[in-house]
Amino acid sequence: MSVHEQENHLSRKQKVLAFTLTLLTFVMGTSEFVIVGLLSEISSDLGIRLATAGTLVSGFAIAYAIGTPVLTAFLSRFPKYRIMIMLIILFIAGNVVSALAGTYAVLLLSRIATAMVSGVLTALAMSVAGDTMPAAKKPAVIASIFAGFTIANVLGVPLGTFIGQLSNWQVTFWVTALLGVVALLISLGVLPKDIKSEKSSIKDQAALFTQPRILLAFLIPIFGIAGTYTIYTYITPIIEDGLSISSSYVSVVLLGYGAFSIFSNVLAGKIASRNGISRLRYVFVVQSVVLLSLYFTMASTIAGLISIMLIAVMIYAMNATIQLYLMNLAELYSPSAKDLASALTPVAVNVGIALGSAAGGVVVAAGSIAFLPWAGGFSALIAAGLASLSYVLDRKEARTRTVSISSE
């Protein structure tokens, strides 16, 4: 095989590694999202209000968003292989503690710990892919790693919810711990042991946040995801009250939503394959139109369902591009903080989820669910504007570098 062919094809070893990294995100995604389907059981079993049980979801997202960059900055100086194996073991332990938790406080603490571990593991998985995969294949591999979370929503969450409802919610966490063990055994033999870590201090890592270009790029996925979650947070009342679909069919609609979101990851890989940030400007405009369309289609069951499925197709379309873009910007402006840059996309996604949910709550409190598409569409337009600004600055800096090289 020629050098060119090697650069455009994955070896068997690289394919196995890509599968392993995707398996990791699937396991972590299942552990993160499955609790949504078990809140009623947890509330009843622990004797707490449903709203209190809901803080297990928001607490996870907040811990993920805050803990991931801090821990990633601290741990990135150590060998990736050892750190990832240790974190997988801690992930397993966190799920075991969740399974054994007899009180809300213990369960919340175990969820917070699991969130921070999951965040760093996700960042390192992206970093390993960036270090080991051919340049031409990085977008597709990054998209497949993100797809692990999507598959978790489509398969892991319904299965975990079914298991929890069939027996009890603790069994679901035993199953996620078992999945963690499977991922650990595979990772022991597949994760590369020779990837060098960046020898940098926490101060060097934190310098990443002083770079305006990186902060600008970080805001793009926040508003992109917020646009979707402004609506998705209230998807059940939208389905029942807006589309007039019986509550007994809500799970079917959500399953369809999850299935369509798989196409979003395929789309993400294609967008990122060539000058993704340029294409992303238009992707967010399309997303805005799709989100806003629900305002006009909500009166029709069929048309409304089409809008919802199109929203699913657009939700992850930006992920691979943003992930690669942040890593490339770190390479330019803060090379010692590449691992931390790898954490920024999943962190931004969790911040976007929180922002979108909060914005949706304000809209619902002030008006009705019918106006959620307007708020979601506006958020996506902000993301489009930020992506356009980033693209313009990229071109300006590229011209500056060209002039500088020519003058030399």
Protein backbone atom coordinates (compact mmCIF):
# COMPACT_ATOMS: atom_id res chain seq x y z
CA MET A 1 0.00 0.00 0.00
CA SER A 2 1.34 3.44 -0.97
CA VAL A 3 1.88 6.26 1.50
CA HIS A 4 -1.12 8.09 0.03
CA GLU A 5 -3.34 5.03 0.49
CA GLN A 6 -2.13 4.61 4.07
CA GLU A 7 -3.11 8.21 4.78
CA ASN A 8 -6.64 7.59 3.48
CA HIS A 9 -7.36 4.17 4.95
CA LEU A 10 -7.63 2.80 8.46
CA SER A 11 -5.50 -0.19 9.34
CA ARG A 12 -7.12 -3.11 11.14
CA LYS A 13 -5.55 -1.90 14.39
CA GLN A 14 -6.92 1.60 13.88
CA LYS A 15 -10.41 0.23 13.14
CA VAL A 16 -10.37 -1.79 16.36
CA LEU A 17 -9.20 1.27 18.27
CA ALA A 18 -11.96 3.43 16.75
CA PHE A 19 -14.52 0.77 17.74
CA THR A 20 -13.13 0.67 21.28
CA LEU A 21 -13.33 4.44 21.68
CA THR A 22 -16.91 4.40 20.35
CA LEU A 23 -17.75 1.59 22.79
CA LEU A 24 -16.44 3.77 25.61
CA THR A 25 -18.69 6.68 24.69
CA PHE A 26 -21.65 4.30 24.30
CA VAL A 27 -21.11 2.92 27.82
CA MET A 28 -20.63 6.40 29.29
CA GLY A 29 -23.63 7.75 27.39
CA THR A 30 -25.84 4.92 28.65
CA SER A 31 -24.76 5.61 32.22
CA GLU A 32 -25.42 9.35 31.81
CA PHE A 33 -28.76 9.32 30.01
CA VAL A 34 -30.49 6.20 31.37
CA ILE A 35 -31.39 7.89 34.65
CA VAL A 36 -33.92 10.06 32.79
CA GLY A 37 -36.10 6.99 32.29
CA LEU A 38 -35.75 5.93 35.92
CA LEU A 39 -36.55 9.15 37.77
CA SER A 40 -40.04 8.03 38.83
CA GLU A 41 -38.71 4.73 40.24
CA ILE A 42 -35.82 6.47 42.04
CA SER A 43 -38.17 9.12 43.44
CA SER A 44 -40.53 6.49 44.82
CA ASP A 45 -37.83 4.17 46.15
CA LEU A 46 -35.79 6.86 47.92
CA GLY A 47 -38.84 8.78 49.14
CA ILE A 48 -37.94 12.05 47.42
CA ARG A 49 -39.90 14.43 45.21
CA LEU A 50 -39.67 14.00 41.45
CA ALA A 51 -38.16 17.49 41.17
CA THR A 52 -35.45 16.46 43.64
CA ALA A 53 -34.76 13.32 41.63
CA GLY A 54 -34.43 15.57 38.58
CA THR A 55 -31.38 17.22 40.15
CA LEU A 56 -29.56 13.93 39.53
CA VAL A 57 -29.70 14.89 35.84
CA SER A 58 -28.80 18.56 36.21
CA GLY A 59 -26.17 17.73 38.84
CA PHE A 60 -24.49 15.35 36.41
CA ALA A 61 -24.44 17.99 33.65
CA ILE A 62 -23.06 20.71 35.94
CA ALA A 63 -20.36 18.41 37.36
CA TYR A 64 -19.45 17.36 33.82
CA ALA A 65 -19.17 20.96 32.63
CA ILE A 66 -17.14 22.19 35.60
CA GLY A 67 -15.09 19.14 36.49
CA THR A 68 -14.04 18.03 33.02
CA PRO A 69 -11.76 20.95 32.08
CA VAL A 70 -10.21 21.12 35.56
CA LEU A 71 -9.42 17.40 35.77
CA THR A 72 -8.34 17.21 32.14
CA ALA A 73 -5.90 20.06 32.67
CA PHE A 74 -4.44 18.28 35.70
CA LEU A 75 -4.30 14.75 34.26
CA SER A 76 -3.10 15.53 30.73
CA ARG A 77 0.54 15.53 31.85
CA PHE A 78 0.38 11.82 32.70
CA PRO A 79 0.59 8.87 30.22
CA LYS A 80 -2.75 8.55 28.46
CA TYR A 81 -2.90 4.75 28.63
CA ARG A 82 -2.55 4.57 32.40
CA ILE A 83 -4.91 7.49 33.01
CA MET A 84 -7.63 6.08 30.76
CA ILE A 85 -7.45 2.63 32.37
CA MET A 86 -7.61 4.22 35.82
CA LEU A 87 -10.57 6.38 34.82
CA ILE A 88 -12.47 3.40 33.38
CA ILE A 89 -11.97 1.61 36.71
CA LEU A 90 -13.26 4.68 38.56
CA PHE A 91 -16.23 4.82 36.17
CA ILE A 92 -17.08 1.22 37.04
CA ALA A 93 -16.74 2.02 40.74
CA GLY A 94 -19.02 5.05 40.39
CA ASN A 95 -21.76 2.91 38.85
CA VAL A 96 -21.35 0.26 41.53
CA VAL A 97 -21.78 2.92 44.23
CA SER A 98 -24.88 4.19 42.40
CA ALA A 99 -26.27 0.64 42.38
CA LEU A 100 -25.64 0.32 46.12
CA ALA A 101 -26.87 3.81 47.03
CA GLY A 102 -29.62 3.77 49.64
CA THR A 103 -29.97 7.53 49.96
CA TYR A 104 -30.34 10.49 47.64
CA ALA A 105 -27.09 12.07 48.91
CA VAL A 106 -24.98 9.00 48.13
CA LEU A 107 -26.57 8.60 44.70
CA LEU A 108 -25.99 12.28 43.89
CA LEU A 109 -22.34 12.12 44.94
CA SER A 110 -21.76 8.97 42.89
CA ARG A 111 -23.36 10.63 39.86
CA ILE A 112 -21.18 13.72 40.26
CA ALA A 113 -18.04 11.57 40.47
CA THR A 114 -19.12 9.51 37.45
CA ALA A 115 -19.79 12.72 35.49
CA MET A 116 -16.29 14.10 36.03
CA VAL A 117 -14.67 10.78 35.16
CA SER A 118 -16.80 10.47 32.01
CA GLY A 119 -15.88 13.96 30.90
CA VAL A 120 -12.14 13.36 31.10
CA LEU A 121 -12.47 9.95 29.44
CA THR A 122 -14.37 11.51 26.55
CA ALA A 123 -11.72 14.20 26.14
CA LEU A 124 -8.90 11.64 26.16
CA ALA A 125 -10.77 9.41 23.69
CA MET A 126 -10.97 12.35 21.27
CA SER A 127 -7.31 13.18 21.88
CA VAL A 128 -6.22 9.58 21.21
CA ALA A 129 -8.21 9.56 17.97
CA GLY A 130 -6.56 12.82 16.94
CA ASP A 131 -3.10 11.41 17.66
CA THR A 132 -3.51 8.02 15.99
CA MET A 133 -5.87 8.33 13.02
CA PRO A 134 -4.94 9.39 9.45
CA ALA A 135 -5.81 13.02 8.76
CA ALA A 136 -8.32 12.11 6.05
CA LYS A 137 -10.17 9.75 8.39
CA LYS A 138 -10.18 11.87 11.55
CA PRO A 139 -13.57 13.52 10.83
CA ALA A 140 -15.30 10.17 10.34
CA VAL A 141 -13.65 8.62 13.41
CA ILE A 142 -14.46 11.63 15.61
CA ALA A 143 -18.06 11.47 14.36
CA SER A 144 -18.22 7.75 15.18
CA ILE A 145 -16.96 8.39 18.72
CA PHE A 146 -19.69 10.99 19.21
CA ALA A 147 -22.11 8.46 17.71
CA GLY A 148 -21.52 6.31 20.80
CA PHE A 149 -23.61 8.80 22.76
CA THR A 150 -26.32 8.72 20.10
CA ILE A 151 -26.46 4.93 20.11
CA ALA A 152 -26.67 5.08 23.90
CA ASN A 153 -29.80 7.21 23.53
CA VAL A 154 -31.30 4.89 20.93
CA LEU A 155 -30.42 1.50 22.45
CA GLY A 156 -28.84 1.87 25.88
CA VAL A 157 -31.44 4.17 27.45
CA PRO A 158 -34.58 2.22 26.38
CA LEU A 159 -32.95 -1.08 27.37
CA GLY A 160 -31.71 0.30 30.69
CA THR A 161 -35.12 1.81 31.42
CA PHE A 162 -36.82 -1.49 30.59
CA ILE A 163 -34.45 -3.38 32.91
CA GLY A 164 -35.03 -0.87 35.71
CA GLN A 165 -38.81 -1.03 35.35
CA LEU A 166 -38.80 -4.82 35.07
CA SER A 167 -36.77 -5.29 38.26
CA ASN A 168 -35.48 -2.15 40.00
CA TRP A 169 -33.38 0.87 39.11
CA GLN A 170 -30.33 -0.49 40.97
CA VAL A 171 -30.07 -3.37 38.49
CA THR A 172 -29.68 -0.88 35.66
CA PHE A 173 -26.57 0.56 37.30
CA TRP A 174 -25.19 -2.94 37.84
CA VAL A 175 -25.62 -3.47 34.10
CA THR A 176 -23.82 -0.20 33.27
CA ALA A 177 -21.01 -1.25 35.62
CA LEU A 178 -20.81 -4.58 33.77
CA LEU A 179 -20.63 -2.73 30.45
CA GLY A 180 -17.78 -0.74 31.96
CA VAL A 181 -15.96 -3.97 32.77
CA VAL A 182 -16.34 -5.12 29.16
CA ALA A 183 -14.95 -1.79 27.95
CA LEU A 184 -12.08 -2.08 30.42
CA LEU A 185 -11.08 -5.57 29.26
CA ILE A 186 -11.08 -4.51 25.61
CA SER A 187 -9.25 -1.25 26.37
CA LEU A 188 -6.45 -3.04 28.21
CA GLY A 189 -5.39 -4.71 25.00
CA VAL A 190 -6.34 -2.10 22.42
CA LEU A 191 -5.52 1.38 23.74
CA PRO A 192 -2.06 2.47 22.51
CA LYS A 193 0.56 2.48 25.24
CA ASP A 194 3.07 4.71 23.45
CA ILE A 195 1.15 7.99 23.08
CA LYS A 196 3.20 10.73 24.66
CA SER A 197 1.54 13.17 27.04
CA GLU A 198 2.07 16.90 26.97
CA LYS A 199 4.39 17.93 29.81
CA SER A 200 2.65 21.12 30.84
CA SER A 201 1.47 22.72 34.05
CA ILE A 202 -2.12 23.50 34.96
CA LYS A 203 -1.24 27.15 34.33
CA ASP A 204 -0.19 26.30 30.78
CA GLN A 205 -3.42 24.37 30.27
CA ALA A 206 -5.52 27.19 31.72
CA ALA A 207 -3.91 29.58 29.25
CA LEU A 208 -6.21 28.01 26.66
CA PHE A 209 -9.06 30.09 28.07
CA THR A 210 -7.15 33.32 27.46
CA GLN A 211 -7.29 32.77 23.70
CA PRO A 212 -10.20 34.78 22.21
CA ARG A 213 -10.40 32.56 19.12
CA ILE A 214 -10.83 29.43 21.23
CA LEU A 215 -13.42 31.08 23.46
CA LEU A 216 -15.32 32.16 20.35
CA ALA A 217 -15.26 28.61 18.98
CA PHE A 218 -16.36 27.28 22.38
CA LEU A 219 -19.52 29.39 22.23
CA ILE A 220 -20.62 27.95 18.87
CA PRO A 221 -21.74 24.49 20.10
CA ILE A 222 -23.26 26.01 23.25
CA PHE A 223 -25.81 27.99 21.24
CA GLY A 224 -26.20 25.21 18.67
CA ILE A 225 -27.18 22.61 21.28
CA ALA A 226 -29.18 25.16 23.29
CA GLY A 227 -31.35 25.73 20.23
CA THR A 228 -32.35 22.07 20.12
CA TYR A 229 -32.75 21.58 23.88
CA THR A 230 -34.99 24.63 24.19
CA ILE A 231 -37.49 22.39 22.40
CA TYR A 232 -36.32 18.88 23.33
CA THR A 233 -36.59 19.53 27.08
CA TYR A 234 -40.34 19.90 26.56
CA ILE A 235 -40.71 17.29 23.85
CA THR A 236 -43.25 15.22 25.81
CA PRO A 237 -45.83 18.03 26.26
CA ILE A 238 -45.16 19.07 22.65
CA ILE A 239 -45.98 15.54 21.47
CA GLU A 240 -49.02 15.16 23.73
CA ASP A 241 -50.52 18.67 23.77
CA GLY A 242 -49.13 20.17 20.57
CA LEU A 243 -49.35 17.21 18.19
CA SER A 244 -52.29 15.59 20.02
CA ILE A 245 -50.56 12.21 20.21
CA SER A 246 -51.57 9.81 22.98
CA SER A 247 -49.11 9.52 25.88
CA SER A 248 -48.87 5.79 25.19
CA TYR A 249 -47.07 6.60 21.91
CA VAL A 250 -44.58 9.10 23.31
CA SER A 251 -41.89 6.45 23.76
CA VAL A 252 -42.36 5.37 20.13
CA VAL A 253 -41.86 8.94 18.94
CA LEU A 254 -38.76 9.31 21.12
CA LEU A 255 -37.38 6.05 19.76
CA GLY A 256 -37.89 7.41 16.25
CA TYR A 257 -36.18 10.65 17.28
CA GLY A 258 -33.19 8.68 18.53
CA ALA A 259 -33.05 6.63 15.35
CA PHE A 260 -33.06 9.74 13.16
CA SER A 261 -30.33 11.32 15.28
CA ILE A 262 -28.00 8.55 14.10
CA PHE A 263 -28.10 10.15 10.65
CA SER A 264 -26.91 13.34 12.32
CA ASN A 265 -23.57 11.70 13.11
CA VAL A 266 -23.18 10.51 9.52
CA LEU A 267 -23.91 14.06 8.38
CA ALA A 268 -21.39 15.39 10.92
CA GLY A 269 -18.57 13.32 9.42
CA LYS A 270 -19.34 14.54 5.91
CA ILE A 271 -19.51 18.18 6.99
CA ALA A 272 -16.19 17.95 8.83
CA SER A 273 -14.39 16.15 6.01
CA ARG A 274 -13.51 19.37 4.19
CA ASN A 275 -13.42 22.90 5.58
CA GLY A 276 -16.17 22.10 8.05
CA ILE A 277 -16.25 25.50 9.75
CA SER A 278 -17.12 27.07 6.41
CA ARG A 279 -20.05 24.71 5.94
CA LEU A 280 -21.14 25.04 9.54
CA ARG A 281 -22.30 28.61 8.93
CA TYR A 282 -25.04 27.27 6.70
CA VAL A 283 -25.72 24.19 8.81
CA PHE A 284 -26.87 26.38 11.70
CA VAL A 285 -29.07 28.44 9.38
CA VAL A 286 -30.73 25.21 8.21
CA GLN A 287 -31.04 24.11 11.84
CA SER A 288 -32.72 27.41 12.69
CA VAL A 289 -35.25 26.96 9.89
CA VAL A 290 -35.96 23.37 10.99
CA LEU A 291 -36.46 24.40 14.62
CA LEU A 292 -38.72 27.29 13.64
CA SER A 293 -40.75 25.04 11.32
CA LEU A 294 -42.23 23.31 14.36
CA TYR A 295 -44.12 26.52 15.18
CA PHE A 296 -46.00 26.22 11.88
CA THR A 297 -46.38 22.41 11.85
CA MET A 298 -47.37 21.83 15.47
CA ALA A 299 -51.07 22.00 14.56
CA SER A 300 -50.63 18.95 12.31
CA THR A 301 -49.63 15.57 13.71
CA ILE A 302 -47.86 14.34 10.59
CA ALA A 303 -46.18 17.63 9.70
CA GLY A 304 -45.16 18.13 13.33
CA LEU A 305 -43.58 14.69 13.48
CA ILE A 306 -41.61 15.48 10.33
CA SER A 307 -40.29 18.65 11.96
CA ILE A 308 -39.27 16.73 15.09
CA MET A 309 -37.42 14.08 13.08
CA LEU A 310 -35.61 16.78 11.08
CA ILE A 311 -34.59 18.39 14.39
CA ALA A 312 -33.06 15.02 15.32
CA VAL A 313 -31.14 14.89 12.03
CA MET A 314 -29.60 18.31 12.73
CA ILE A 315 -28.77 17.96 16.43
CA TYR A 316 -25.24 16.49 16.16
CA ALA A 317 -24.33 17.76 12.68
CA MET A 318 -21.78 20.19 14.13
CA ASN A 319 -19.98 17.87 16.57
CA ALA A 320 -17.13 16.47 14.48
CA THR A 321 -16.34 19.85 12.92
CA ILE A 322 -16.27 21.68 16.24
CA GLN A 323 -14.19 18.95 17.87
CA LEU A 324 -11.52 19.09 15.15
CA TYR A 325 -11.70 22.87 14.96
CA LEU A 326 -11.02 23.33 18.68
CA MET A 327 -8.14 20.86 18.56
CA ASN A 328 -6.66 22.64 15.53
CA LEU A 329 -6.99 26.04 17.21
CA ALA A 330 -5.24 24.66 20.29
CA GLU A 331 -2.43 23.42 18.06
CA LEU A 332 -2.00 26.98 16.80
CA TYR A 333 -2.50 29.03 19.95
CA SER A 334 -1.83 26.70 22.89
CA PRO A 335 -0.14 23.42 21.82
CA SER A 336 0.43 22.28 25.41
CA ALA A 337 -3.33 22.26 26.03
CA LYS A 338 -4.51 19.95 23.24
CA ASP A 339 -6.02 17.46 25.67
CA LEU A 340 -7.96 20.21 27.40
CA ALA A 341 -9.15 21.44 24.00
CA SER A 342 -10.46 17.94 23.35
CA ALA A 343 -12.71 18.32 26.39
CA LEU A 344 -14.30 21.57 25.28
CA THR A 345 -16.90 20.18 22.87
CA PRO A 346 -18.55 17.76 25.34
CA VAL A 347 -18.34 20.48 28.01
CA ALA A 348 -19.99 22.97 25.64
CA VAL A 349 -22.72 20.44 24.86
CA ASN A 350 -23.57 20.10 28.56
CA VAL A 351 -23.55 23.88 29.02
CA GLY A 352 -25.80 24.16 25.96
CA ILE A 353 -28.21 21.59 27.40
CA ALA A 354 -28.46 23.60 30.62
CA LEU A 355 -28.86 26.89 28.72
CA GLY A 356 -31.50 25.50 26.37
CA SER A 357 -33.48 23.92 29.21
CA ALA A 358 -33.40 27.19 31.15
CA ALA A 359 -34.41 29.25 28.11
CA GLY A 360 -37.25 26.84 27.39
CA GLY A 361 -38.43 27.14 30.98
CA VAL A 362 -38.56 30.93 30.69
CA VAL A 363 -40.55 30.73 27.44
CA VAL A 364 -43.04 28.22 28.84
CA ALA A 365 -43.48 30.22 32.05
CA ALA A 366 -44.05 33.44 30.09
CA GLY A 367 -46.20 32.05 27.30
CA SER A 368 -46.73 28.52 26.02
CA ILE A 369 -44.90 25.63 24.37
CA ALA A 370 -46.00 27.00 20.99
CA PHE A 371 -43.32 29.72 21.21
CA LEU A 372 -40.42 27.36 21.98
CA PRO A 373 -39.48 26.99 18.27
CA TRP A 374 -38.88 30.75 18.02
CA ALA A 375 -36.45 30.69 20.94
CA GLY A 376 -34.70 27.60 19.58
CA GLY A 377 -34.41 29.05 16.08
CA PHE A 378 -32.98 32.31 17.42
CA SER A 379 -30.33 30.40 19.41
CA ALA A 380 -29.28 28.48 16.28
CA LEU A 381 -28.97 31.79 14.39
CA ILE A 382 -26.60 33.05 17.08
CA ALA A 383 -24.51 29.91 16.50
CA ALA A 384 -24.54 30.65 12.76
CA GLY A 385 -23.29 34.17 13.41
CA LEU A 386 -20.49 32.93 15.67
CA ALA A 387 -19.46 30.31 13.10
CA SER A 388 -19.42 32.97 10.38
CA LEU A 389 -17.25 35.24 12.52
CA SER A 390 -14.81 32.39 13.17
CA TYR A 391 -14.64 31.62 9.46
CA VAL A 392 -13.96 35.28 8.58
CA LEU A 393 -11.20 35.49 11.19
CA ASP A 394 -9.68 32.24 9.86
CA ARG A 395 -9.50 33.65 6.35
CA LYS A 396 -8.07 36.94 7.58
CA GLU A 397 -5.34 35.19 9.56
CA ALA A 398 -4.58 32.87 6.64
CA ARG A 399 -4.06 35.89 4.36
CA THR A 400 -1.85 37.52 7.00
CA ARG A 401 0.33 34.39 7.24
CA THR A 402 0.57 34.21 3.42
CA VAL A 403 1.70 37.84 3.21
CA SER A 404 4.19 37.28 6.03
CA ILE A 405 5.70 34.22 4.33
CA SER A 406 5.87 36.04 0.96
CA SER A 407 7.67 39.00 2.52
CA GLU A 408 10.29 36.69 3.99
